[in-house]
C-alpha atoms as a PDB file:
ATOM      1  CA  MET A   1      82.558 101.248  96.195  1.00  0.00           C
ATOM      2  CA  THR A   2      84.840 101.574  99.201  1.00  0.00           C
ATOM      3  CA  VAL A   3      84.287  98.957 101.868  1.00  0.00           C
ATOM      4  CA  ALA A   4      83.784 100.640 105.239  1.00  0.00           C
ATOM      5  CA  ASN A   5      84.820  99.103 108.526  1.00  0.00           C
ATOM      6  CA  ASP A   6      81.561  98.681 110.461  1.00  0.00           C
ATOM      7  CA  ASN A   7      83.336  97.875 113.763  1.00  0.00           C
ATOM      8  CA  ARG A   8      81.550  94.529 114.271  1.00  0.00           C
ATOM      9  CA  GLN A   9      84.765  93.506 115.999  1.00  0.00           C
ATOM     10  CA  ALA A  10      87.743  95.649 116.945  1.00  0.00           C
ATOM     11  CA  GLY A  11      90.140  95.843 114.043  1.00  0.00           C
ATOM     12  CA  LEU A  12      87.914  93.996 111.551  1.00  0.00           C
ATOM     13  CA  LEU A  13      88.577  95.303 108.035  1.00  0.00           C
ATOM     14  CA  CYS A  14      86.618  92.901 105.822  1.00  0.00           C
ATOM     15  CA  ALA A  15      85.977  89.265 104.997  1.00  0.00           C
ATOM     16  CA  LEU A  16      88.783  87.692 102.970  1.00  0.00           C
ATOM     17  CA  ALA A  17      86.150  86.636 100.403  1.00  0.00           C
ATOM     18  CA  GLU A  18      85.386  90.327  99.739  1.00  0.00           C
ATOM     19  CA  VAL A  19      88.866  90.712  98.239  1.00  0.00           C
ATOM     20  CA  PRO A  20      88.957  89.208  94.741  1.00  0.00           C
ATOM     21  CA  ASP A  21      91.540  86.430  94.420  1.00  0.00           C
ATOM     22  CA  GLY A  22      94.380  88.040  92.468  1.00  0.00           C
ATOM     23  CA  GLY A  23      92.833  91.468  92.997  1.00  0.00           C
ATOM     24  CA  ALA A  24      92.471  94.311  95.463  1.00  0.00           C
ATOM     25  CA  ILE A  25      89.941  96.396  97.364  1.00  0.00           C
ATOM     26  CA  GLU A  26      90.057  99.688  99.207  1.00  0.00           C
ATOM     27  CA  ILE A  27      89.120  99.857 102.887  1.00  0.00           C
ATOM     28  CA  SER A  28      88.353 103.052 104.773  1.00  0.00           C
ATOM     29  CA  ALA A  29      89.655 102.093 108.204  1.00  0.00           C
ATOM     30  CA  LEU A  30      90.253 105.772 108.906  1.00  0.00           C
ATOM     31  CA  PRO A  31      88.912 108.482 106.580  1.00  0.00           C
ATOM     32  CA  GLU A  32      92.316 110.135 106.307  1.00  0.00           C
ATOM     33  CA  MET A  33      94.108 106.859 105.561  1.00  0.00           C
ATOM     34  CA  PRO A  34      92.519 104.467 103.066  1.00  0.00           C
ATOM     35  CA  ILE A  35      94.059 101.003 102.869  1.00  0.00           C
ATOM     36  CA  VAL A  36      94.384  98.725  99.863  1.00  0.00           C
ATOM     37  CA  ILE A  37      94.216  94.980 100.531  1.00  0.00           C
ATOM     38  CA  VAL A  38      95.592  92.610  97.887  1.00  0.00           C
ATOM     39  CA  ARG A  39      94.933  88.883  97.880  1.00  0.00           C
ATOM     40  CA  ARG A  40      96.430  85.731  96.405  1.00  0.00           C
ATOM     41  CA  GLY A  41      94.545  82.591  97.441  1.00  0.00           C
ATOM     42  CA  VAL A  42      94.445  82.422 101.244  1.00  0.00           C
ATOM     43  CA  ASP A  43      97.126  85.105 101.637  1.00  0.00           C
ATOM     44  CA  ALA A  44      96.512  88.836 101.843  1.00  0.00           C
ATOM     45  CA  TRP A  45      98.608  91.930 102.380  1.00  0.00           C
ATOM     46  CA  ALA A  46      97.609  95.497 103.223  1.00  0.00           C
ATOM     47  CA  TYR A  47      99.197  98.831 102.394  1.00  0.00           C
ATOM     48  CA  ARG A  48      98.331 102.476 102.726  1.00  0.00           C
ATOM     49  CA  ASN A  49      96.685 103.490  99.474  1.00  0.00           C
ATOM     50  CA  VAL A  50      99.415 105.980  98.603  1.00  0.00           C
ATOM     51  CA  CYS A  51     101.932 105.710  95.777  1.00  0.00           C
ATOM     52  CA  PRO A  52     105.444 106.574  97.031  1.00  0.00           C
ATOM     53  CA  HIS A  53     106.188 108.384  93.762  1.00  0.00           C
ATOM     54  CA  PHE A  54     103.737 111.282  94.152  1.00  0.00           C
ATOM     55  CA  SER A  55     101.851 110.565  97.404  1.00  0.00           C
ATOM     56  CA  ILE A  56      98.571 110.048  95.547  1.00  0.00           C
ATOM     57  CA  PRO A  57      96.151 107.097  95.653  1.00  0.00           C
ATOM     58  CA  LEU A  58      97.087 104.010  93.648  1.00  0.00           C
ATOM     59  CA  ASN A  59      93.633 103.893  92.080  1.00  0.00           C
ATOM     60  CA  TYR A  60      92.130 106.400  89.674  1.00  0.00           C
ATOM     61  CA  GLU A  61      88.501 105.478  90.338  1.00  0.00           C
ATOM     62  CA  PRO A  62      87.036 104.426  93.706  1.00  0.00           C
ATOM     63  CA  ASN A  63      87.813 100.797  94.569  1.00  0.00           C
ATOM     64  CA  THR A  64      89.170 100.070  91.079  1.00  0.00           C
ATOM     65  CA  PHE A  65      92.688  98.639  91.019  1.00  0.00           C
ATOM     66  CA  TRP A  66      94.824  97.212  88.240  1.00  0.00           C
ATOM     67  CA  THR A  67      96.483  93.932  89.166  1.00  0.00           C
ATOM     68  CA  TYR A  68      98.464  91.479  87.052  1.00  0.00           C
ATOM     69  CA  ASP A  69      98.618  87.692  87.420  1.00  0.00           C
ATOM     70  CA  GLY A  70      97.841  87.889  91.145  1.00  0.00           C
ATOM     71  CA  GLU A  71     101.388  89.184  91.602  1.00  0.00           C
ATOM     72  CA  LEU A  72     101.525  92.912  90.916  1.00  0.00           C
ATOM     73  CA  LEU A  73      99.486  95.990  91.819  1.00  0.00           C
ATOM     74  CA  MET A  74      99.821  98.919  89.407  1.00  0.00           C
ATOM     75  CA  CYS A  75      99.527 102.609  90.227  1.00  0.00           C
ATOM     76  CA  ALA A  76      96.867 103.973  87.877  1.00  0.00           C
ATOM     77  CA  HIS A  77      98.625 107.338  87.593  1.00  0.00           C
ATOM     78  CA  HIS A  78     102.225 106.480  86.662  1.00  0.00           C
ATOM     79  CA  SER A  79     102.107 102.704  85.991  1.00  0.00           C
ATOM     80  CA  ALA A  80     104.468 101.837  88.831  1.00  0.00           C
ATOM     81  CA  MET A  81     104.262  98.089  89.586  1.00  0.00           C
ATOM     82  CA  PHE A  82     104.299  96.824  93.199  1.00  0.00           C
ATOM     83  CA  ARG A  83     104.659  93.216  94.369  1.00  0.00           C
ATOM     84  CA  PHE A  84     101.752  91.891  96.420  1.00  0.00           C
ATOM     85  CA  GLU A  85     103.898  90.207  99.078  1.00  0.00           C
ATOM     86  CA  ASP A  86     106.107  93.133 100.114  1.00  0.00           C
ATOM     87  CA  GLY A  87     104.825  96.240  98.311  1.00  0.00           C
ATOM     88  CA  ARG A  88     108.178  96.766  96.620  1.00  0.00           C
ATOM     89  CA  CYS A  89     108.117  98.713  93.351  1.00  0.00           C
ATOM     90  CA  VAL A  90     109.730  96.548  90.671  1.00  0.00           C
ATOM     91  CA  GLU A  91     109.034  98.782  87.669  1.00  0.00           C
ATOM     92  CA  GLY A  92     108.192 102.421  87.133  1.00  0.00           C
ATOM     93  CA  PRO A  93     109.241 105.873  88.332  1.00  0.00           C
ATOM     94  CA  CYS A  94     109.643 104.833  91.981  1.00  0.00           C
ATOM     95  CA  GLU A  95     111.472 101.526  91.374  1.00  0.00           C
ATOM     96  CA  GLY A  96     113.206 100.295  94.522  1.00  0.00           C
ATOM     97  CA  THR A  97     110.851 102.054  96.940  1.00  0.00           C
ATOM     98  CA  ALA A  98     107.908 100.327  98.615  1.00  0.00           C
ATOM     99  CA  LEU A  99     104.348 100.909  99.692  1.00  0.00           C
ATOM    100  CA  THR A 100     103.774 101.480 103.411  1.00  0.00           C
ATOM    101  CA  ALA A 101     102.670  98.165 104.899  1.00  0.00           C
ATOM    102  CA  VAL A 102      99.736  97.877 107.280  1.00  0.00           C
ATOM    103  CA  GLY A 103      99.941  94.854 109.584  1.00  0.00           C
ATOM    104  CA  ILE A 104      96.993  92.505 109.168  1.00  0.00           C
ATOM    105  CA  ARG A 105      96.042  88.983 110.215  1.00  0.00           C
ATOM    106  CA  ILE A 106      93.484  86.574 108.832  1.00  0.00           C
ATOM    107  CA  ASP A 107      91.312  84.718 111.325  1.00  0.00           C
ATOM    108  CA  ARG A 108      88.431  82.439 110.285  1.00  0.00           C
ATOM    109  CA  GLY A 109      88.138  84.074 106.898  1.00  0.00           C
ATOM    110  CA  GLU A 110      88.162  87.644 108.194  1.00  0.00           C
ATOM    111  CA  VAL A 111      90.905  90.254 107.810  1.00  0.00           C
ATOM    112  CA  PHE A 112      91.886  92.250 110.905  1.00  0.00           C
ATOM    113  CA  ILE A 113      94.350  95.031 111.586  1.00  0.00           C
ATOM    114  CA  ASP A 114      97.116  93.571 113.770  1.00  0.00           C
ATOM    115  CA  ASN A 115      97.006  96.228 116.518  1.00  0.00           C
ATOM    116  CA  PRO A 116      93.795  98.246 116.219  1.00  0.00           C
ATOM    117  CA  GLU A 117      94.366 100.040 119.517  1.00  0.00           C
ATOM    118  CA  GLN A 118      97.622 101.492 118.154  1.00  0.00           C
ATOM    119  CA  GLY A 119      95.980 102.854 114.995  1.00  0.00           C
ATOM    120  CA  LEU A 120      97.593 102.718 111.603  1.00  0.00           C
END
């Protein structure tokens, strides 16, 4: 299931608790640009859900992501491994490249886009 932004507040993506600790979820902030949010404890990072190797989604099935040890996000298509904290590919066919970051902030347990008025 893809979590949809219901616009309760401008820029609200989801509650931090909706993102599994050490895991990831997909957010449809804009239909043409899904976002993947990864979480480790109280920290979270967001990226466009597009692998830099082939410009395809990182997940094979909706809202299903492979993560390892709360550190790495794996592309389901080519097994490229990306670090949570900076999106950098550390193993796989696009090693050295990075996911496109989406600026977020966490406020009172909720995850917001940094500048919703500017879009993604």
